[in-house]
């Protein structure tokens, strides 16, 4: 009988230790799962940022790049976006073919939606503008940008910083 008691105690101990080890393993799996979820969220965020910039990366024409930049500037004052769109349309008339104007405006507005700062397109398009535009065209670009920024009143701080960066980038 004592032997049976020792056997039951040994089996009970083995079951308890098995249960404890199983719980430790499950806790470890939960920790690993949460770390994997966090890593996945980080990778998704990183990919999302890359995808947001992708519309700007596809632009190879300096005029379309300028329109996208103008919309980024205009987006700083959202209540005057329609007025800025008219300024962009009127100032880009001789630069963009009339048949392509609506398409370019729609694309520029769409491409600028995910841009967080109007300085981002300047950094992205700097080399394109420097390579493709002469000094007079660069000054014209700055003039149109200033007119877009002044739509609806005084420029915002962000617009002023972007215009200063544009001047430094294109005139140096």
N, C-alpha and C. Protein backbone atom coordinates (compact mmCIF):
# COMPACT_ATOMS: atom_id res chain seq x y z
N UNK A 1 0.81 -1.17 0.00
CA UNK A 1 0.00 0.00 0.00
C UNK A 1 0.87 1.25 0.00
N UNK A 2 1.95 1.22 0.74
CA UNK A 2 2.85 2.36 0.77
C UNK A 2 3.46 2.58 -0.62
N UNK A 3 3.69 1.45 -1.30
CA UNK A 3 4.22 1.55 -2.64
C UNK A 3 3.24 2.27 -3.57
N UNK A 4 1.97 1.96 -3.45
CA UNK A 4 0.92 2.60 -4.26
C UNK A 4 0.85 4.10 -3.95
N UNK A 5 1.00 4.47 -2.69
CA UNK A 5 1.01 5.89 -2.30
C UNK A 5 2.18 6.64 -2.91
N UNK A 6 3.36 5.98 -2.88
CA UNK A 6 4.55 6.61 -3.46
C UNK A 6 4.37 6.75 -4.97
N UNK A 7 3.79 5.77 -5.63
CA UNK A 7 3.54 5.80 -7.07
C UNK A 7 2.56 6.92 -7.44
N UNK A 8 1.48 7.06 -6.66
CA UNK A 8 0.49 8.12 -6.90
C UNK A 8 1.14 9.50 -6.68
N UNK A 9 1.97 9.63 -5.63
CA UNK A 9 2.65 10.90 -5.36
C UNK A 9 3.62 11.23 -6.48
N UNK A 10 4.34 10.24 -7.00
CA UNK A 10 5.29 10.47 -8.09
C UNK A 10 4.56 10.86 -9.37
N UNK A 11 3.47 10.19 -9.67
CA UNK A 11 2.69 10.52 -10.87
C UNK A 11 2.08 11.92 -10.73
N UNK A 12 1.56 12.22 -9.53
CA UNK A 12 0.99 13.56 -9.28
C UNK A 12 2.06 14.63 -9.43
N UNK A 13 3.23 14.39 -8.89
CA UNK A 13 4.34 15.36 -9.02
C UNK A 13 4.73 15.55 -10.48
N UNK A 14 4.80 14.44 -11.24
CA UNK A 14 5.15 14.53 -12.66
C UNK A 14 4.10 15.33 -13.42
N UNK A 15 2.82 15.08 -13.10
CA UNK A 15 1.74 15.82 -13.77
C UNK A 15 1.83 17.30 -13.43
N UNK A 16 2.06 17.65 -12.18
CA UNK A 16 2.15 19.06 -11.77
C UNK A 16 3.33 19.73 -12.46
N UNK A 17 4.50 19.06 -12.49
CA UNK A 17 5.65 19.65 -13.16
C UNK A 17 5.43 19.76 -14.67
N UNK A 18 4.77 18.77 -15.26
CA UNK A 18 4.43 18.85 -16.68
C UNK A 18 3.53 20.05 -16.94
N UNK A 19 2.52 20.26 -16.08
CA UNK A 19 1.60 21.37 -16.22
C UNK A 19 2.34 22.71 -16.08
N UNK A 20 3.24 22.81 -15.11
CA UNK A 20 4.02 24.04 -14.91
C UNK A 20 4.90 24.34 -16.12
N UNK A 21 5.58 23.34 -16.62
CA UNK A 21 6.43 23.54 -17.80
C UNK A 21 5.60 23.93 -19.03
N UNK A 22 4.41 23.35 -19.14
CA UNK A 22 3.51 23.68 -20.24
C UNK A 22 3.10 25.15 -20.15
N UNK A 23 2.80 25.63 -18.93
CA UNK A 23 2.40 27.02 -18.74
C UNK A 23 3.56 27.97 -19.06
N UNK A 24 4.78 27.58 -18.68
CA UNK A 24 5.95 28.41 -18.99
C UNK A 24 6.14 28.48 -20.51
N UNK A 25 5.97 27.36 -21.19
CA UNK A 25 6.09 27.33 -22.64
C UNK A 25 5.03 28.20 -23.30
N UNK A 26 3.80 28.14 -22.81
CA UNK A 26 2.73 28.98 -23.37
C UNK A 26 3.01 30.46 -23.13
N UNK A 27 3.53 30.80 -21.96
CA UNK A 27 3.88 32.20 -21.68
C UNK A 27 4.99 32.66 -22.62
N UNK A 28 5.96 31.81 -22.85
CA UNK A 28 7.03 32.14 -23.79
C UNK A 28 6.50 32.33 -25.21
N UNK A 29 5.57 31.46 -25.61
CA UNK A 29 4.97 31.59 -26.94
C UNK A 29 4.19 32.91 -27.07
N UNK A 30 3.49 33.30 -26.01
CA UNK A 30 2.75 34.56 -26.04
C UNK A 30 3.69 35.74 -26.15
N UNK A 31 4.81 35.69 -25.46
CA UNK A 31 5.80 36.77 -25.54
C UNK A 31 6.36 36.84 -26.96
N UNK A 32 6.69 35.70 -27.51
CA UNK A 32 7.23 35.65 -28.87
C UNK A 32 6.19 36.18 -29.86
N UNK A 33 4.94 35.79 -29.69
CA UNK A 33 3.88 36.27 -30.57
C UNK A 33 3.73 37.79 -30.50
N UNK A 34 3.78 38.34 -29.29
CA UNK A 34 3.63 39.80 -29.17
C UNK A 34 4.82 40.53 -29.80
N UNK A 35 6.02 39.97 -29.64
CA UNK A 35 7.20 40.57 -30.27
C UNK A 35 7.06 40.51 -31.78
N UNK A 36 6.59 39.40 -32.32
CA UNK A 36 6.40 39.25 -33.76
C UNK A 36 5.34 40.23 -34.26
N UNK A 37 4.28 40.44 -33.51
CA UNK A 37 3.24 41.41 -33.90
C UNK A 37 3.82 42.82 -33.94
N UNK A 38 4.63 43.17 -32.93
CA UNK A 38 5.24 44.49 -32.91
C UNK A 38 6.20 44.66 -34.09
N UNK A 39 6.96 43.63 -34.38
CA UNK A 39 7.88 43.69 -35.51
C UNK A 39 7.12 43.82 -36.83
N UNK A 40 6.01 43.10 -36.95
CA UNK A 40 5.17 43.21 -38.14
C UNK A 40 4.56 44.60 -38.28
N UNK A 41 4.12 45.17 -37.17
CA UNK A 41 3.56 46.53 -37.21
C UNK A 41 4.63 47.53 -37.64
N UNK A 42 5.84 47.36 -37.15
CA UNK A 42 6.95 48.25 -37.55
C UNK A 42 7.22 48.12 -39.05
N UNK A 43 7.27 46.89 -39.55
CA UNK A 43 7.53 46.68 -40.97
C UNK A 43 6.39 47.25 -41.83
N UNK A 44 5.13 47.08 -41.38
CA UNK A 44 4.00 47.64 -42.12
C UNK A 44 4.07 49.16 -42.17
N UNK A 45 4.44 49.77 -41.04
CA UNK A 45 4.55 51.23 -40.99
C UNK A 45 5.66 51.71 -41.93
N UNK A 46 6.77 51.02 -41.93
CA UNK A 46 7.89 51.37 -42.79
C UNK A 46 7.49 51.23 -44.26
N UNK A 47 6.79 50.16 -44.60
CA UNK A 47 6.33 49.95 -45.97
C UNK A 47 5.30 51.01 -46.36
N UNK A 48 4.41 51.34 -45.43
CA UNK A 48 3.38 52.35 -45.69
C UNK A 48 4.03 53.70 -46.02
N UNK A 49 5.09 54.05 -45.27
CA UNK A 49 5.80 55.30 -45.55
C UNK A 49 6.42 55.27 -46.94
N UNK A 50 7.00 54.14 -47.31
CA UNK A 50 7.59 54.03 -48.64
C UNK A 50 6.52 54.12 -49.72
N UNK A 51 5.38 53.51 -49.47
CA UNK A 51 4.30 53.53 -50.45
C UNK A 51 3.70 54.93 -50.58
N UNK A 52 3.69 55.69 -49.48
CA UNK A 52 3.15 57.04 -49.54
C UNK A 52 4.02 57.95 -50.39
N UNK A 53 5.30 57.73 -50.40
CA UNK A 53 6.21 58.57 -51.16
C UNK A 53 6.29 58.10 -52.61
N UNK A 54 5.80 56.91 -52.90
CA UNK A 54 5.92 56.33 -54.23
C UNK A 54 5.33 57.21 -55.34
N UNK A 55 4.19 57.89 -55.16
CA UNK A 55 3.70 58.73 -56.25
C UNK A 55 4.70 59.81 -56.65
N UNK A 56 5.40 60.38 -55.70
CA UNK A 56 6.40 61.39 -56.02
C UNK A 56 7.59 60.77 -56.74
N UNK A 57 7.92 59.54 -56.40
CA UNK A 57 9.07 58.88 -57.01
C UNK A 57 8.85 58.59 -58.49
N UNK A 58 7.60 58.50 -58.91
CA UNK A 58 7.31 58.18 -60.31
C UNK A 58 7.34 59.41 -61.21
N UNK A 59 7.49 60.60 -60.67
CA UNK A 59 7.46 61.83 -61.47
C UNK A 59 8.83 62.09 -62.07
N UNK A 60 8.86 62.25 -63.40
CA UNK A 60 10.12 62.51 -64.10
C UNK A 60 10.08 63.80 -64.90
N UNK A 61 8.94 64.47 -64.94
CA UNK A 61 8.78 65.72 -65.68
C UNK A 61 8.84 66.89 -64.70
N UNK A 62 9.70 67.88 -64.94
CA UNK A 62 9.82 68.98 -63.97
C UNK A 62 8.54 69.79 -63.81
N UNK A 63 7.72 69.89 -64.85
CA UNK A 63 6.46 70.64 -64.75
C UNK A 63 5.47 69.91 -63.83
N UNK A 64 5.38 68.60 -63.98
CA UNK A 64 4.48 67.82 -63.12
C UNK A 64 5.01 67.84 -61.69
N UNK A 65 6.32 67.79 -61.53
CA UNK A 65 6.92 67.88 -60.20
C UNK A 65 6.59 69.22 -59.57
N UNK A 66 6.63 70.29 -60.36
CA UNK A 66 6.30 71.61 -59.85
C UNK A 66 4.84 71.68 -59.41
N UNK A 67 3.95 71.11 -60.21
CA UNK A 67 2.52 71.12 -59.85
C UNK A 67 2.31 70.36 -58.54
N UNK A 68 2.94 69.22 -58.39
CA UNK A 68 2.81 68.45 -57.14
C UNK A 68 3.34 69.28 -55.96
N UNK A 69 4.45 69.97 -56.16
CA UNK A 69 5.00 70.82 -55.10
C UNK A 69 4.05 71.97 -54.78
N UNK A 70 3.47 72.59 -55.80
CA UNK A 70 2.53 73.68 -55.57
C UNK A 70 1.33 73.21 -54.74
N UNK A 71 0.85 72.01 -55.02
CA UNK A 71 -0.26 71.48 -54.22
C UNK A 71 0.16 71.20 -52.79
N UNK A 72 1.40 70.77 -52.60
CA UNK A 72 1.91 70.59 -51.22
C UNK A 72 1.92 71.91 -50.48
N UNK A 73 2.32 72.97 -51.17
CA UNK A 73 2.30 74.30 -50.56
C UNK A 73 0.87 74.74 -50.25
N UNK A 74 -0.02 74.53 -51.21
CA UNK A 74 -1.41 74.96 -51.05
C UNK A 74 -2.12 74.18 -49.95
N UNK A 75 -1.69 72.95 -49.73
CA UNK A 75 -2.32 72.11 -48.71
C UNK A 75 -2.11 72.66 -47.31
N UNK A 76 -1.16 73.55 -47.13
CA UNK A 76 -0.92 74.15 -45.82
C UNK A 76 -2.06 75.09 -45.42
N UNK A 77 -2.82 75.57 -46.39
CA UNK A 77 -4.03 76.37 -46.14
C UNK A 77 -5.19 75.68 -46.85
N UNK A 78 -5.76 74.63 -46.25
CA UNK A 78 -6.75 73.81 -46.95
C UNK A 78 -8.02 74.57 -47.36
N UNK A 79 -8.37 75.63 -46.64
CA UNK A 79 -9.60 76.34 -47.00
C UNK A 79 -9.43 77.14 -48.29
N UNK A 80 -8.21 77.37 -48.73
CA UNK A 80 -7.96 78.12 -49.96
C UNK A 80 -7.41 77.22 -51.06
N UNK A 81 -7.62 75.91 -50.94
CA UNK A 81 -7.08 74.96 -51.91
C UNK A 81 -7.66 75.19 -53.31
N UNK A 82 -8.95 75.48 -53.40
CA UNK A 82 -9.56 75.71 -54.71
C UNK A 82 -9.01 76.98 -55.37
N UNK A 83 -8.83 78.03 -54.58
CA UNK A 83 -8.25 79.27 -55.12
C UNK A 83 -6.81 79.02 -55.58
N UNK A 84 -6.06 78.25 -54.80
CA UNK A 84 -4.68 77.93 -55.18
C UNK A 84 -4.66 77.09 -56.44
N UNK A 85 -5.64 76.20 -56.59
CA UNK A 85 -5.72 75.37 -57.79
C UNK A 85 -5.91 76.25 -59.03
N UNK A 86 -6.71 77.29 -58.90
CA UNK A 86 -6.91 78.21 -60.02
C UNK A 86 -5.64 78.99 -60.34
N UNK A 87 -4.91 79.37 -59.30
CA UNK A 87 -3.62 80.06 -59.51
C UNK A 87 -2.67 79.12 -60.25
N UNK A 88 -2.60 77.89 -59.82
CA UNK A 88 -1.72 76.91 -60.47
C UNK A 88 -2.13 76.72 -61.93
N UNK A 89 -3.43 76.59 -62.16
CA UNK A 89 -3.93 76.39 -63.52
C UNK A 89 -3.56 77.59 -64.41
N UNK A 90 -3.77 78.79 -63.91
CA UNK A 90 -3.51 79.97 -64.74
C UNK A 90 -2.02 80.17 -64.99
N UNK A 91 -1.18 79.93 -63.99
CA UNK A 91 0.25 80.15 -64.16
C UNK A 91 0.94 79.04 -64.96
N UNK A 92 0.35 77.86 -65.00
CA UNK A 92 0.96 76.74 -65.72
C UNK A 92 0.41 76.61 -67.15
N UNK A 93 -0.46 77.55 -67.58
CA UNK A 93 -1.08 77.46 -68.90
C UNK A 93 -0.07 77.36 -70.03
N UNK A 94 0.93 78.19 -70.06
CA UNK A 94 1.90 78.17 -71.15
C UNK A 94 2.94 77.06 -71.02
N UNK A 95 2.96 76.40 -69.88
CA UNK A 95 3.99 75.39 -69.63
C UNK A 95 3.48 73.98 -69.92
N UNK A 96 2.25 73.73 -69.52
CA UNK A 96 1.64 72.41 -69.73
C UNK A 96 0.63 72.52 -70.87
N UNK A 97 0.63 71.54 -71.75
CA UNK A 97 -0.31 71.55 -72.87
C UNK A 97 -1.74 71.60 -72.35
N UNK A 98 -2.62 72.38 -73.02
CA UNK A 98 -4.00 72.52 -72.54
C UNK A 98 -4.75 71.20 -72.41
N UNK A 99 -4.49 70.26 -73.29
CA UNK A 99 -5.17 68.97 -73.22
C UNK A 99 -4.75 68.13 -72.02
N UNK A 100 -3.56 68.39 -71.51
CA UNK A 100 -3.05 67.62 -70.38
C UNK A 100 -3.26 68.32 -69.04
N UNK A 101 -3.74 69.54 -69.06
CA UNK A 101 -3.81 70.35 -67.84
C UNK A 101 -4.62 69.68 -66.74
N UNK A 102 -5.83 69.23 -67.04
CA UNK A 102 -6.68 68.62 -66.01
C UNK A 102 -6.04 67.38 -65.42
N UNK A 103 -5.48 66.56 -66.29
CA UNK A 103 -4.84 65.32 -65.84
C UNK A 103 -3.65 65.62 -64.93
N UNK A 104 -2.85 66.61 -65.30
CA UNK A 104 -1.69 66.98 -64.50
C UNK A 104 -2.13 67.54 -63.15
N UNK A 105 -3.18 68.37 -63.15
CA UNK A 105 -3.68 68.94 -61.89
C UNK A 105 -4.22 67.85 -60.96
N UNK A 106 -4.97 66.94 -61.52
CA UNK A 106 -5.52 65.84 -60.71
C UNK A 106 -4.40 64.97 -60.16
N UNK A 107 -3.42 64.65 -61.01
CA UNK A 107 -2.30 63.83 -60.55
C UNK A 107 -1.49 64.55 -59.48
N UNK A 108 -1.22 65.84 -59.72
CA UNK A 108 -0.45 66.61 -58.75
C UNK A 108 -1.14 66.69 -57.40
N UNK A 109 -2.46 66.89 -57.44
CA UNK A 109 -3.22 66.94 -56.18
C UNK A 109 -3.19 65.58 -55.48
N UNK A 110 -3.35 64.51 -56.25
CA UNK A 110 -3.33 63.17 -55.66
C UNK A 110 -1.95 62.84 -55.10
N UNK A 111 -0.91 63.17 -55.84
CA UNK A 111 0.45 62.85 -55.39
C UNK A 111 0.83 63.61 -54.13
N UNK A 112 0.23 64.79 -53.94
CA UNK A 112 0.60 65.60 -52.78
C UNK A 112 -0.19 65.24 -51.53
N UNK A 113 -1.19 64.39 -51.64
CA UNK A 113 -2.05 64.09 -50.49
C UNK A 113 -1.30 63.46 -49.32
N UNK A 114 -0.35 62.61 -49.60
CA UNK A 114 0.33 61.89 -48.53
C UNK A 114 1.66 62.52 -48.12
N UNK A 115 1.97 63.67 -48.68
CA UNK A 115 3.21 64.35 -48.34
C UNK A 115 2.99 65.12 -47.04
N UNK A 116 3.87 64.91 -46.08
CA UNK A 116 3.68 65.51 -44.76
C UNK A 116 4.20 66.93 -44.68
N UNK A 117 5.20 67.27 -45.46
CA UNK A 117 5.80 68.60 -45.40
C UNK A 117 6.06 69.09 -46.82
N UNK A 118 5.84 70.39 -47.09
CA UNK A 118 6.13 70.88 -48.44
C UNK A 118 7.62 70.87 -48.77
N UNK A 119 8.46 70.62 -47.78
CA UNK A 119 9.90 70.54 -48.04
C UNK A 119 10.30 69.19 -48.64
N UNK A 120 9.49 68.16 -48.43
CA UNK A 120 9.81 66.83 -48.97
C UNK A 120 9.94 66.83 -50.49
N UNK A 121 8.97 67.42 -51.23
CA UNK A 121 9.12 67.42 -52.70
C UNK A 121 10.35 68.22 -53.16
N UNK A 122 10.72 69.24 -52.41
CA UNK A 122 11.91 70.02 -52.80
C UNK A 122 13.13 69.11 -52.77
N UNK A 123 13.26 68.34 -51.69
CA UNK A 123 14.40 67.41 -51.60
C UNK A 123 14.33 66.36 -52.70
N UNK A 124 13.12 65.88 -52.98
CA UNK A 124 12.97 64.82 -53.97
C UNK A 124 13.24 65.32 -55.39
N UNK A 125 12.77 66.52 -55.70
CA UNK A 125 12.86 67.02 -57.08
C UNK A 125 14.03 67.96 -57.33
N UNK A 126 14.86 68.20 -56.34
CA UNK A 126 15.97 69.13 -56.47
C UNK A 126 16.84 68.81 -57.68
N UNK A 127 17.30 67.58 -57.78
CA UNK A 127 18.19 67.20 -58.88
C UNK A 127 17.49 67.32 -60.23
N UNK A 128 16.23 66.93 -60.29
CA UNK A 128 15.45 67.03 -61.53
C UNK A 128 15.35 68.48 -61.98
N UNK A 129 14.99 69.37 -61.06
CA UNK A 129 14.86 70.79 -61.40
C UNK A 129 16.20 71.40 -61.79
N UNK A 130 17.26 71.07 -61.05
CA UNK A 130 18.56 71.64 -61.36
C UNK A 130 19.06 71.18 -62.73
N UNK A 131 18.77 69.95 -63.08
CA UNK A 131 19.24 69.39 -64.34
C UNK A 131 18.40 69.87 -65.53
N UNK A 132 17.09 70.00 -65.34
CA UNK A 132 16.19 70.24 -66.46
C UNK A 132 15.79 71.72 -66.66
N UNK A 133 15.94 72.55 -65.64
CA UNK A 133 15.48 73.94 -65.75
C UNK A 133 16.65 74.90 -65.83
N UNK A 134 16.51 75.92 -66.68
CA UNK A 134 17.53 76.97 -66.71
C UNK A 134 17.20 77.99 -65.61
N UNK A 135 18.04 79.00 -65.46
CA UNK A 135 17.89 79.96 -64.36
C UNK A 135 16.56 80.71 -64.44
N UNK A 136 16.13 81.09 -65.63
CA UNK A 136 14.88 81.82 -65.79
C UNK A 136 13.69 80.93 -65.39
N UNK A 137 13.73 79.67 -65.77
CA UNK A 137 12.65 78.74 -65.41
C UNK A 137 12.62 78.48 -63.91
N UNK A 138 13.78 78.45 -63.29
CA UNK A 138 13.84 78.27 -61.83
C UNK A 138 13.22 79.48 -61.13
N UNK A 139 13.53 80.68 -61.62
CA UNK A 139 12.94 81.88 -61.04
C UNK A 139 11.43 81.89 -61.23
N UNK A 140 10.98 81.41 -62.38
CA UNK A 140 9.54 81.32 -62.64
C UNK A 140 8.89 80.34 -61.67
N UNK A 141 9.55 79.22 -61.43
CA UNK A 141 9.05 78.23 -60.47
C UNK A 141 8.91 78.85 -59.08
N UNK A 142 9.91 79.60 -58.66
CA UNK A 142 9.87 80.26 -57.34
C UNK A 142 8.74 81.29 -57.31
N UNK A 143 8.57 82.04 -58.40
CA UNK A 143 7.51 83.04 -58.46
C UNK A 143 6.12 82.42 -58.34
N UNK A 144 5.89 81.33 -59.05
CA UNK A 144 4.60 80.65 -58.96
C UNK A 144 4.39 80.10 -57.56
N UNK A 145 5.43 79.53 -56.97
CA UNK A 145 5.33 78.99 -55.61
C UNK A 145 4.97 80.09 -54.63
N UNK A 146 5.59 81.27 -54.78
CA UNK A 146 5.27 82.38 -53.89
C UNK A 146 3.82 82.83 -54.06
N UNK A 147 3.35 82.85 -55.30
CA UNK A 147 1.96 83.25 -55.55
C UNK A 147 0.99 82.24 -54.95
N UNK A 148 1.31 80.95 -55.08
CA UNK A 148 0.45 79.90 -54.49
C UNK A 148 0.43 80.04 -52.97
N UNK A 149 1.58 80.32 -52.38
CA UNK A 149 1.67 80.44 -50.92
C UNK A 149 0.90 81.66 -50.42
N UNK A 150 0.83 82.71 -51.22
CA UNK A 150 0.14 83.92 -50.81
C UNK A 150 -1.36 83.86 -51.05
N UNK A 151 -1.85 82.82 -51.68
CA UNK A 151 -3.28 82.66 -51.91
C UNK A 151 -3.99 82.59 -50.55
N UNK A 152 -4.98 83.44 -50.39
CA UNK A 152 -5.75 83.42 -49.14
C UNK A 152 -5.12 84.22 -48.02
N UNK A 153 -4.13 85.03 -48.31
CA UNK A 153 -3.53 85.86 -47.26
C UNK A 153 -2.07 85.55 -47.04
N UNK A 154 -1.62 85.86 -45.85
CA UNK A 154 -0.20 85.68 -45.52
C UNK A 154 0.20 84.22 -45.58
N UNK A 155 1.49 84.02 -45.81
CA UNK A 155 2.04 82.66 -45.84
C UNK A 155 2.10 82.10 -44.43
N UNK A 156 1.97 80.79 -44.35
CA UNK A 156 2.16 80.13 -43.05
C UNK A 156 3.65 79.95 -42.82
N UNK A 157 4.02 79.58 -41.60
CA UNK A 157 5.44 79.34 -41.29
C UNK A 157 6.00 78.22 -42.15
N UNK A 158 5.22 77.16 -42.32
CA UNK A 158 5.68 76.02 -43.12
C UNK A 158 5.92 76.44 -44.57
N UNK A 159 4.99 77.26 -45.10
CA UNK A 159 5.16 77.72 -46.47
C UNK A 159 6.41 78.60 -46.60
N UNK A 160 6.61 79.47 -45.63
CA UNK A 160 7.78 80.35 -45.66
C UNK A 160 9.08 79.54 -45.61
N UNK A 161 9.12 78.53 -44.75
CA UNK A 161 10.31 77.67 -44.66
C UNK A 161 10.54 76.94 -45.99
N UNK A 162 9.45 76.43 -46.58
CA UNK A 162 9.57 75.71 -47.84
C UNK A 162 10.06 76.63 -48.96
N UNK A 163 9.56 77.86 -49.00
CA UNK A 163 10.00 78.80 -50.03
C UNK A 163 11.47 79.19 -49.85
N UNK A 164 11.89 79.37 -48.61
CA UNK A 164 13.30 79.67 -48.36
C UNK A 164 14.18 78.50 -48.81
N UNK A 165 13.73 77.29 -48.50
CA UNK A 165 14.50 76.11 -48.90
C UNK A 165 14.53 76.00 -50.44
N UNK A 166 13.41 76.32 -51.09
CA UNK A 166 13.36 76.28 -52.56
C UNK A 166 14.33 77.30 -53.16
N UNK A 167 14.34 78.51 -52.63
CA UNK A 167 15.27 79.54 -53.12
C UNK A 167 16.72 79.11 -52.94
N UNK A 168 17.04 78.61 -51.74
CA UNK A 168 18.42 78.16 -51.48
C UNK A 168 18.81 77.02 -52.42
N UNK A 169 17.88 76.11 -52.64
CA UNK A 169 18.18 74.93 -53.45
C UNK A 169 18.38 75.29 -54.92
N UNK A 170 17.51 76.13 -55.45
CA UNK A 170 17.55 76.40 -56.89
C UNK A 170 18.48 77.54 -57.30
N UNK A 171 18.78 78.44 -56.38
CA UNK A 171 19.58 79.60 -56.75
C UNK A 171 21.04 79.48 -56.36
N UNK A 172 21.44 78.45 -55.66
CA UNK A 172 22.85 78.28 -55.28
C UNK A 172 23.57 77.39 -56.26
